[in-house]
Amino acid sequence: MSIRDSIVVCIEEISSERGFDHASNLFESGVLTSLDVLSLVAFIEDTFSLEITGDEIDMASFGTVDGLVNLVMTLQANAAHGAAAARSHG
């Protein structure tokens, strides 16, 4: 399952919304509430083995499906870069 598909399924489970516009703001459109962010963070951390800091929780990242996909991809790239750097210095 792709990152996008995984995130969409999670949002559908959290909100019980189906067929929402993936480009729309998830909060302004009523798909998610601010409390749903906690479930979404836990899902992303568990599913993709990532750690999300408070600084990374913002509307640019969490407002749309695209923002969430970009966040996961960025965190994965940073984790891979950090692991590669650790191996080269170790």
PDB file of N, CA and C in Angstrom:
ATOM      1  N   MET A   1       0.853  -1.177   0.000  1.00  0.00           N
ATOM      2  CA  MET A   1       0.000   0.000   0.000  1.00  0.00           C
ATOM      3  C   MET A   1       0.897   1.237   0.000  1.00  0.00           C
ATOM      4  N   SER A   2       0.557   2.214  -0.809  1.00  0.00           N
ATOM      5  CA  SER A   2       1.364   3.431  -0.903  1.00  0.00           C
ATOM      6  C   SER A   2       1.196   4.286   0.354  1.00  0.00           C
ATOM      7  N   ILE A   3       2.096   5.243   0.511  1.00  0.00           N
ATOM      8  CA  ILE A   3       1.997   6.186   1.631  1.00  0.00           C
ATOM      9  C   ILE A   3       0.645   6.882   1.578  1.00  0.00           C
ATOM     10  N   ARG A   4       0.282   7.382   0.396  1.00  0.00           N
ATOM     11  CA  ARG A   4      -0.986   8.101   0.228  1.00  0.00           C
ATOM     12  C   ARG A   4      -2.174   7.213   0.614  1.00  0.00           C
ATOM     13  N   ASP A   5      -2.198   5.995   0.104  1.00  0.00           N
ATOM     14  CA  ASP A   5      -3.313   5.094   0.402  1.00  0.00           C
ATOM     15  C   ASP A   5      -3.404   4.802   1.894  1.00  0.00           C
ATOM     16  N   SER A   6      -2.263   4.588   2.532  1.00  0.00           N
ATOM     17  CA  SER A   6      -2.246   4.320   3.973  1.00  0.00           C
ATOM     18  C   SER A   6      -2.809   5.497   4.754  1.00  0.00           C
ATOM     19  N   ILE A   7      -2.415   6.705   4.381  1.00  0.00           N
ATOM     20  CA  ILE A   7      -2.884   7.907   5.071  1.00  0.00           C
ATOM     21  C   ILE A   7      -4.379   8.101   4.847  1.00  0.00           C
ATOM     22  N   VAL A   8      -4.842   7.897   3.627  1.00  0.00           N
ATOM     23  CA  VAL A   8      -6.273   8.051   3.330  1.00  0.00           C
ATOM     24  C   VAL A   8      -7.098   7.052   4.140  1.00  0.00           C
ATOM     25  N   VAL A   9      -6.657   5.807   4.195  1.00  0.00           N
ATOM     26  CA  VAL A   9      -7.374   4.793   4.978  1.00  0.00           C
ATOM     27  C   VAL A   9      -7.418   5.200   6.451  1.00  0.00           C
ATOM     28  N   CYS A  10      -6.313   5.690   6.975  1.00  0.00           N
ATOM     29  CA  CYS A  10      -6.269   6.134   8.368  1.00  0.00           C
ATOM     30  C   CYS A  10      -7.260   7.266   8.604  1.00  0.00           C
ATOM     31  N   ILE A  11      -7.271   8.257   7.729  1.00  0.00           N
ATOM     32  CA  ILE A  11      -8.189   9.391   7.877  1.00  0.00           C
ATOM     33  C   ILE A  11      -9.634   8.907   7.810  1.00  0.00           C
ATOM     34  N   GLU A  12      -9.920   7.994   6.902  1.00  0.00           N
ATOM     35  CA  GLU A  12     -11.276   7.449   6.796  1.00  0.00           C
ATOM     36  C   GLU A  12     -11.681   6.726   8.076  1.00  0.00           C
ATOM     37  N   GLU A  13     -10.739   6.021   8.692  1.00  0.00           N
ATOM     38  CA  GLU A  13     -11.037   5.313   9.941  1.00  0.00           C
ATOM     39  C   GLU A  13     -11.224   6.277  11.108  1.00  0.00           C
ATOM     40  N   ILE A  14     -10.391   7.309  11.167  1.00  0.00           N
ATOM     41  CA  ILE A  14     -10.481   8.285  12.250  1.00  0.00           C
ATOM     42  C   ILE A  14     -11.780   9.075  12.157  1.00  0.00           C
ATOM     43  N   SER A  15     -12.122   9.508  10.950  1.00  0.00           N
ATOM     44  CA  SER A  15     -13.219  10.455  10.781  1.00  0.00           C
ATOM     45  C   SER A  15     -14.533   9.835  10.322  1.00  0.00           C
ATOM     46  N   SER A  16     -14.503   8.618   9.841  1.00  0.00           N
ATOM     47  CA  SER A  16     -15.670   7.966   9.236  1.00  0.00           C
ATOM     48  C   SER A  16     -16.124   8.658   7.953  1.00  0.00           C
ATOM     49  N   GLU A  17     -15.297   9.553   7.428  1.00  0.00           N
ATOM     50  CA  GLU A  17     -15.591  10.222   6.154  1.00  0.00           C
ATOM     51  C   GLU A  17     -15.086   9.353   5.021  1.00  0.00           C
ATOM     52  N   ARG A  18     -15.856   9.274   3.953  1.00  0.00           N
ATOM     53  CA  ARG A  18     -15.449   8.540   2.762  1.00  0.00           C
ATOM     54  C   ARG A  18     -15.563   9.469   1.563  1.00  0.00           C
ATOM     55  N   GLY A  19     -14.665   9.315   0.624  1.00  0.00           N
ATOM     56  CA  GLY A  19     -14.752  10.077  -0.613  1.00  0.00           C
ATOM     57  C   GLY A  19     -14.480  11.563  -0.463  1.00  0.00           C
ATOM     58  N   PHE A  20     -13.750  11.953   0.566  1.00  0.00           N
ATOM     59  CA  PHE A  20     -13.429  13.371   0.740  1.00  0.00           C
ATOM     60  C   PHE A  20     -12.401  13.807  -0.297  1.00  0.00           C
ATOM     61  N   ASP A  21     -12.368  15.096  -0.558  1.00  0.00           N
ATOM     62  CA  ASP A  21     -11.437  15.672  -1.535  1.00  0.00           C
ATOM     63  C   ASP A  21     -10.042  15.700  -0.916  1.00  0.00           C
ATOM     64  N   HIS A  22      -9.128  14.959  -1.503  1.00  0.00           N
ATOM     65  CA  HIS A  22      -7.778  14.841  -0.945  1.00  0.00           C
ATOM     66  C   HIS A  22      -6.982  16.137  -1.028  1.00  0.00           C
ATOM     67  N   ALA A  23      -7.416  17.070  -1.869  1.00  0.00           N
ATOM     68  CA  ALA A  23      -6.713  18.346  -1.999  1.00  0.00           C
ATOM     69  C   ALA A  23      -7.258  19.399  -1.035  1.00  0.00           C
ATOM     70  N   SER A  24      -8.420  19.153  -0.464  1.00  0.00           N
ATOM     71  CA  SER A  24      -9.043  20.120   0.442  1.00  0.00           C
ATOM     72  C   SER A  24      -8.387  20.084   1.811  1.00  0.00           C
ATOM     73  N   ASN A  25      -8.497  21.208   2.508  1.00  0.00           N
ATOM     74  CA  ASN A  25      -8.004  21.265   3.873  1.00  0.00           C
ATOM     75  C   ASN A  25      -8.870  20.356   4.736  1.00  0.00           C
ATOM     76  N   LEU A  26      -8.236  19.401   5.382  1.00  0.00           N
ATOM     77  CA  LEU A  26      -8.947  18.377   6.141  1.00  0.00           C
ATOM     78  C   LEU A  26      -9.672  18.941   7.357  1.00  0.00           C
ATOM     79  N   PHE A  27      -9.192  20.051   7.881  1.00  0.00           N
ATOM     80  CA  PHE A  27      -9.801  20.650   9.062  1.00  0.00           C
ATOM     81  C   PHE A  27     -10.905  21.626   8.677  1.00  0.00           C
ATOM     82  N   GLU A  28     -10.633  22.464   7.676  1.00  0.00           N
ATOM     83  CA  GLU A  28     -11.636  23.428   7.230  1.00  0.00           C
ATOM     84  C   GLU A  28     -12.854  22.739   6.630  1.00  0.00           C
ATOM     85  N   SER A  29     -12.638  21.581   6.003  1.00  0.00           N
ATOM     86  CA  SER A  29     -13.751  20.846   5.395  1.00  0.00           C
ATOM     87  C   SER A  29     -14.483  19.958   6.402  1.00  0.00           C
ATOM     88  N   GLY A  30     -13.982  19.898   7.638  1.00  0.00           N
ATOM     89  CA  GLY A  30     -14.647  19.131   8.681  1.00  0.00           C
ATOM     90  C   GLY A  30     -14.338  17.643   8.684  1.00  0.00           C
ATOM     91  N   VAL A  31     -13.378  17.219   7.867  1.00  0.00           N
ATOM     92  CA  VAL A  31     -13.007  15.802   7.836  1.00  0.00           C
ATOM     93  C   VAL A  31     -12.316  15.422   9.141  1.00  0.00           C
ATOM     94  N   LEU A  32     -11.432  16.284   9.625  1.00  0.00           N
ATOM     95  CA  LEU A  32     -10.700  16.037  10.868  1.00  0.00           C
ATOM     96  C   LEU A  32     -10.903  17.186  11.844  1.00  0.00           C
ATOM     97  N   THR A  33     -10.749  16.872  13.129  1.00  0.00           N
ATOM     98  CA  THR A  33     -10.732  17.896  14.169  1.00  0.00           C
ATOM     99  C   THR A  33      -9.325  17.962  14.747  1.00  0.00           C
ATOM    100  N   SER A  34      -9.076  18.965  15.548  1.00  0.00           N
ATOM    101  CA  SER A  34      -7.743  19.096  16.141  1.00  0.00           C
ATOM    102  C   SER A  34      -7.404  17.888  17.012  1.00  0.00           C
ATOM    103  N   LEU A  35      -8.382  17.273  17.633  1.00  0.00           N
ATOM    104  CA  LEU A  35      -8.129  16.083  18.453  1.00  0.00           C
ATOM    105  C   LEU A  35      -7.711  14.886  17.607  1.00  0.00           C
ATOM    106  N   ASP A  36      -8.155  14.855  16.355  1.00  0.00           N
ATOM    107  CA  ASP A  36      -7.794  13.752  15.459  1.00  0.00           C
ATOM    108  C   ASP A  36      -6.308  13.748  15.121  1.00  0.00           C
ATOM    109  N   VAL A  37      -5.640  14.889  15.296  1.00  0.00           N
ATOM    110  CA  VAL A  37      -4.208  14.979  14.993  1.00  0.00           C
ATOM    111  C   VAL A  37      -3.425  13.961  15.822  1.00  0.00           C
ATOM    112  N   LEU A  38      -3.812  13.772  17.067  1.00  0.00           N
ATOM    113  CA  LEU A  38      -3.106  12.818  17.935  1.00  0.00           C
ATOM    114  C   LEU A  38      -3.167  11.405  17.362  1.00  0.00           C
ATOM    115  N   SER A  39      -4.327  11.001  16.897  1.00  0.00           N
ATOM    116  CA  SER A  39      -4.470   9.673  16.291  1.00  0.00           C
ATOM    117  C   SER A  39      -3.670   9.572  15.010  1.00  0.00           C
ATOM    118  N   LEU A  40      -3.676  10.640  14.238  1.00  0.00           N
ATOM    119  CA  LEU A  40      -2.944  10.658  12.971  1.00  0.00           C
ATOM    120  C   LEU A  40      -1.440  10.578  13.209  1.00  0.00           C
ATOM    121  N   VAL A  41      -0.947  11.311  14.190  1.00  0.00           N
ATOM    122  CA  VAL A  41       0.479  11.257  14.537  1.00  0.00           C
ATOM    123  C   VAL A  41       0.858   9.843  14.977  1.00  0.00           C
ATOM    124  N   ALA A  42       0.058   9.250  15.848  1.00  0.00           N
ATOM    125  CA  ALA A  42       0.344   7.891  16.322  1.00  0.00           C
ATOM    126  C   ALA A  42       0.352   6.907  15.157  1.00  0.00           C
ATOM    127  N   PHE A  43      -0.602   7.040  14.248  1.00  0.00           N
ATOM    128  CA  PHE A  43      -0.663   6.154  13.084  1.00  0.00           C
ATOM    129  C   PHE A  43       0.592   6.289  12.228  1.00  0.00           C
ATOM    130  N   ILE A  44       0.977   7.518  11.913  1.00  0.00           N
ATOM    131  CA  ILE A  44       2.151   7.751  11.061  1.00  0.00           C
ATOM    132  C   ILE A  44       3.412   7.217  11.735  1.00  0.00           C
ATOM    133  N   GLU A  45       3.568   7.510  13.023  1.00  0.00           N
ATOM    134  CA  GLU A  45       4.761   7.032  13.734  1.00  0.00           C
ATOM    135  C   GLU A  45       4.822   5.507  13.750  1.00  0.00           C
ATOM    136  N   ASP A  46       3.694   4.864  14.020  1.00  0.00           N
ATOM    137  CA  ASP A  46       3.667   3.398  14.098  1.00  0.00           C
ATOM    138  C   ASP A  46       3.809   2.745  12.728  1.00  0.00           C
ATOM    139  N   THR A  47       3.088   3.256  11.753  1.00  0.00           N
ATOM    140  CA  THR A  47       3.060   2.637  10.426  1.00  0.00           C
ATOM    141  C   THR A  47       4.377   2.783   9.687  1.00  0.00           C
ATOM    142  N   PHE A  48       4.985   3.968   9.799  1.00  0.00           N
ATOM    143  CA  PHE A  48       6.181   4.253   9.015  1.00  0.00           C
ATOM    144  C   PHE A  48       7.455   4.272   9.856  1.00  0.00           C
ATOM    145  N   SER A  49       7.358   3.895  11.132  1.00  0.00           N
ATOM    146  CA  SER A  49       8.506   3.862  12.054  1.00  0.00           C
ATOM    147  C   SER A  49       9.250   5.196  12.062  1.00  0.00           C
ATOM    148  N   LEU A  50       8.479   6.259  12.256  1.00  0.00           N
ATOM    149  CA  LEU A  50       9.027   7.613  12.275  1.00  0.00           C
ATOM    150  C   LEU A  50       8.687   8.284  13.593  1.00  0.00           C
ATOM    151  N   GLU A  51       9.409   9.368  13.885  1.00  0.00           N
ATOM    152  CA  GLU A  51       9.099  10.184  15.050  1.00  0.00           C
ATOM    153  C   GLU A  51       8.742  11.581  14.568  1.00  0.00           C
ATOM    154  N   ILE A  52       7.577  12.055  14.987  1.00  0.00           N
ATOM    155  CA  ILE A  52       7.124  13.389  14.613  1.00  0.00           C
ATOM    156  C   ILE A  52       7.258  14.282  15.835  1.00  0.00           C
ATOM    157  N   THR A  53       7.974  15.392  15.680  1.00  0.00           N
ATOM    158  CA  THR A  53       8.143  16.341  16.779  1.00  0.00           C
ATOM    159  C   THR A  53       7.045  17.397  16.713  1.00  0.00           C
ATOM    160  N   GLY A  54       6.878  18.116  17.791  1.00  0.00           N
ATOM    161  CA  GLY A  54       5.882  19.180  17.834  1.00  0.00           C
ATOM    162  C   GLY A  54       6.077  20.220  16.749  1.00  0.00           C
ATOM    163  N   ASP A  55       7.330  20.483  16.390  1.00  0.00           N
ATOM    164  CA  ASP A  55       7.623  21.469  15.347  1.00  0.00           C
ATOM    165  C   ASP A  55       7.090  21.047  13.987  1.00  0.00           C
ATOM    166  N   GLU A  56       6.921  19.758  13.783  1.00  0.00           N
ATOM    167  CA  GLU A  56       6.480  19.249  12.486  1.00  0.00           C
ATOM    168  C   GLU A  56       4.960  19.183  12.363  1.00  0.00           C
ATOM    169  N   ILE A  57       4.268  19.439  13.455  1.00  0.00           N
ATOM    170  CA  ILE A  57       2.809  19.418  13.433  1.00  0.00           C
ATOM    171  C   ILE A  57       2.322  20.830  13.132  1.00  0.00           C
ATOM    172  N   ASP A  58       1.993  21.057  11.875  1.00  0.00           N
ATOM    173  CA  ASP A  58       1.476  22.352  11.450  1.00  0.00           C
ATOM    174  C   ASP A  58       0.479  22.147  10.317  1.00  0.00           C
ATOM    175  N   MET A  59      -0.225  23.204   9.958  1.00  0.00           N
ATOM    176  CA  MET A  59      -1.249  23.100   8.919  1.00  0.00           C
ATOM    177  C   MET A  59      -0.662  22.780   7.556  1.00  0.00           C
ATOM    178  N   ALA A  60       0.550  23.207   7.291  1.00  0.00           N
ATOM    179  CA  ALA A  60       1.163  22.901   5.995  1.00  0.00           C
ATOM    180  C   ALA A  60       1.333  21.398   5.837  1.00  0.00           C
ATOM    181  N   SER A  61       1.683  20.731   6.911  1.00  0.00           N
ATOM    182  CA  SER A  61       1.906  19.284   6.859  1.00  0.00           C
ATOM    183  C   SER A  61       0.632  18.483   7.091  1.00  0.00           C
ATOM    184  N   PHE A  62      -0.196  18.924   8.010  1.00  0.00           N
ATOM    185  CA  PHE A  62      -1.357  18.136   8.406  1.00  0.00           C
ATOM    186  C   PHE A  62      -2.662  18.612   7.781  1.00  0.00           C
ATOM    187  N   GLY A  63      -2.628  19.694   7.025  1.00  0.00           N
ATOM    188  CA  GLY A  63      -3.853  20.251   6.465  1.00  0.00           C
ATOM    189  C   GLY A  63      -4.444  19.465   5.316  1.00  0.00           C
ATOM    190  N   THR A  64      -3.603  18.794   4.544  1.00  0.00           N
ATOM    191  CA  THR A  64      -4.080  18.057   3.372  1.00  0.00           C
ATOM    192  C   THR A  64      -3.409  16.689   3.298  1.00  0.00           C
ATOM    193  N   VAL A  65      -3.978  15.817   2.499  1.00  0.00           N
ATOM    194  CA  VAL A  65      -3.357  14.509   2.277  1.00  0.00           C
ATOM    195  C   VAL A  65      -1.975  14.701   1.669  1.00  0.00           C
ATOM    196  N   ASP A  66      -1.855  15.615   0.693  1.00  0.00           N
ATOM    197  CA  ASP A  66      -0.551  15.872   0.071  1.00  0.00           C
ATOM    198  C   ASP A  66       0.477  16.331   1.098  1.00  0.00           C
ATOM    199  N   GLY A  67       0.062  17.197   2.014  1.00  0.00           N
ATOM    200  CA  GLY A  67       0.969  17.665   3.056  1.00  0.00           C
ATOM    201  C   GLY A  67       1.454  16.527   3.936  1.00  0.00           C
ATOM    202  N   LEU A  68       0.556  15.608   4.265  1.00  0.00           N
ATOM    203  CA  LEU A  68       0.927  14.452   5.083  1.00  0.00           C
ATOM    204  C   LEU A  68       1.866  13.518   4.337  1.00  0.00           C
ATOM    205  N   VAL A  69       1.592  13.288   3.055  1.00  0.00           N
ATOM    206  CA  VAL A  69       2.475  12.443   2.244  1.00  0.00           C
ATOM    207  C   VAL A  69       3.864  13.065   2.177  1.00  0.00           C
ATOM    208  N   ASN A  70       3.921  14.376   1.933  1.00  0.00           N
ATOM    209  CA  ASN A  70       5.217  15.063   1.866  1.00  0.00           C
ATOM    210  C   ASN A  70       5.956  14.986   3.196  1.00  0.00           C
ATOM    211  N   LEU A  71       5.234  15.119   4.301  1.00  0.00           N
ATOM    212  CA  LEU A  71       5.858  15.020   5.620  1.00  0.00           C
ATOM    213  C   LEU A  71       6.479  13.640   5.815  1.00  0.00           C
ATOM    214  N   VAL A  72       5.726  12.590   5.509  1.00  0.00           N
ATOM    215  CA  VAL A  72       6.244  11.227   5.669  1.00  0.00           C
ATOM    216  C   VAL A  72       7.469  11.018   4.788  1.00  0.00           C
ATOM    217  N   MET A  73       7.399  11.460   3.542  1.00  0.00           N
ATOM    218  CA  MET A  73       8.529  11.280   2.626  1.00  0.00           C
ATOM    219  C   MET A  73       9.758  12.040   3.113  1.00  0.00           C
ATOM    220  N   THR A  74       9.565  13.253   3.619  1.00  0.00           N
ATOM    221  CA  THR A  74      10.675  14.052   4.146  1.00  0.00           C
ATOM    222  C   THR A  74      11.287  13.386   5.374  1.00  0.00           C
ATOM    223  N   LEU A  75      10.442  12.918   6.286  1.00  0.00           N
ATOM    224  CA  LEU A  75      10.950  12.260   7.492  1.00  0.00           C
ATOM    225  C   LEU A  75      11.675  10.966   7.153  1.00  0.00           C
ATOM    226  N   GLN A  76      11.165  10.221   6.175  1.00  0.00           N
ATOM    227  CA  GLN A  76      11.850   8.995   5.746  1.00  0.00           C
ATOM    228  C   GLN A  76      13.210   9.322   5.142  1.00  0.00           C
ATOM    229  N   ALA A  77      13.266  10.367   4.317  1.00  0.00           N
ATOM    230  CA  ALA A  77      14.535  10.763   3.699  1.00  0.00           C
ATOM    231  C   ALA A  77      15.524  11.221   4.764  1.00  0.00           C
ATOM    232  N   ASN A  78      15.050  12.002   5.731  1.00  0.00           N
ATOM    233  CA  ASN A  78      15.923  12.469   6.811  1.00  0.00           C
ATOM    234  C   ASN A  78      16.426  11.304   7.653  1.00  0.00           C
ATOM    235  N   ALA A  79      15.554  10.338   7.918  1.00  0.00           N
ATOM    236  CA  ALA A  79      15.957   9.167   8.700  1.00  0.00           C
ATOM    237  C   ALA A  79      16.993   8.349   7.940  1.00  0.00           C
ATOM    238  N   ALA A  80      16.793   8.184   6.643  1.00  0.00           N
ATOM    239  CA  ALA A  80      17.750   7.431   5.824  1.00  0.00           C
ATOM    240  C   ALA A  80      19.085   8.155   5.761  1.00  0.00           C
ATOM    241  N   HIS A  81      19.035   9.486   5.621  1.00  0.00           N
ATOM    242  CA  HIS A  81      20.261  10.282   5.574  1.00  0.00           C
ATOM    243  C   HIS A  81      21.001  10.191   6.909  1.00  0.00           C
ATOM    244  N   GLY A  82      20.249  10.270   8.008  1.00  0.00           N
ATOM    245  CA  GLY A  82      20.862  10.169   9.331  1.00  0.00           C
ATOM    246  C   GLY A  82      21.485   8.811   9.568  1.00  0.00           C
ATOM    247  N   ALA A  83      20.817   7.758   9.105  1.00  0.00           N
ATOM    248  CA  ALA A  83      21.358   6.403   9.259  1.00  0.00           C
ATOM    249  C   ALA A  83      22.614   6.225   8.421  1.00  0.00           C
ATOM    250  N   ALA A  84      22.615   6.772   7.210  1.00  0.00           N
ATOM    251  CA  ALA A  84      23.790   6.668   6.338  1.00  0.00           C
ATOM    252  C   ALA A  84      24.961   7.442   6.933  1.00  0.00           C
ATOM    253  N   ALA A  85      24.681   8.617   7.490  1.00  0.00           N
ATOM    254  CA  ALA A  85      25.740   9.419   8.100  1.00  0.00           C
ATOM    255  C   ALA A  85      26.315   8.704   9.321  1.00  0.00           C
ATOM    256  N   ALA A  86      25.449   8.069  10.096  1.00  0.00           N
ATOM    257  CA  ALA A  86      25.919   7.343  11.278  1.00  0.00           C
ATOM    258  C   ALA A  86      26.805   6.169  10.881  1.00  0.00           C
ATOM    259  N   ARG A  87      26.441   5.473   9.802  1.00  0.00           N
ATOM    260  CA  ARG A  87      27.256   4.345   9.339  1.00  0.00           C
ATOM    261  C   ARG A  87      28.613   4.814   8.833  1.00  0.00           C
ATOM    262  N   SER A  88      28.658   5.954   8.169  1.00  0.00           N
ATOM    263  CA  SER A  88      29.924   6.423   7.606  1.00  0.00           C
ATOM    264  C   SER A  88      30.869   6.939   8.690  1.00  0.00           C
ATOM    265  N   HIS A  89      30.307   7.342   9.832  1.00  0.00           N
ATOM    266  CA  HIS A  89      31.140   7.832  10.938  1.00  0.00           C
ATOM    267  C   HIS A  89      31.402   6.759  11.978  1.00  0.00           C
ATOM    268  N   GLY A  90      30.757   5.620  11.816  1.00  0.00           N
ATOM    269  CA  GLY A  90      30.828   4.600  12.848  1.00  0.00           C
ATOM    270  C   GLY A  90      31.876   3.622  12.586  1.00  0.00           C
TER     271      GLY A  90
END
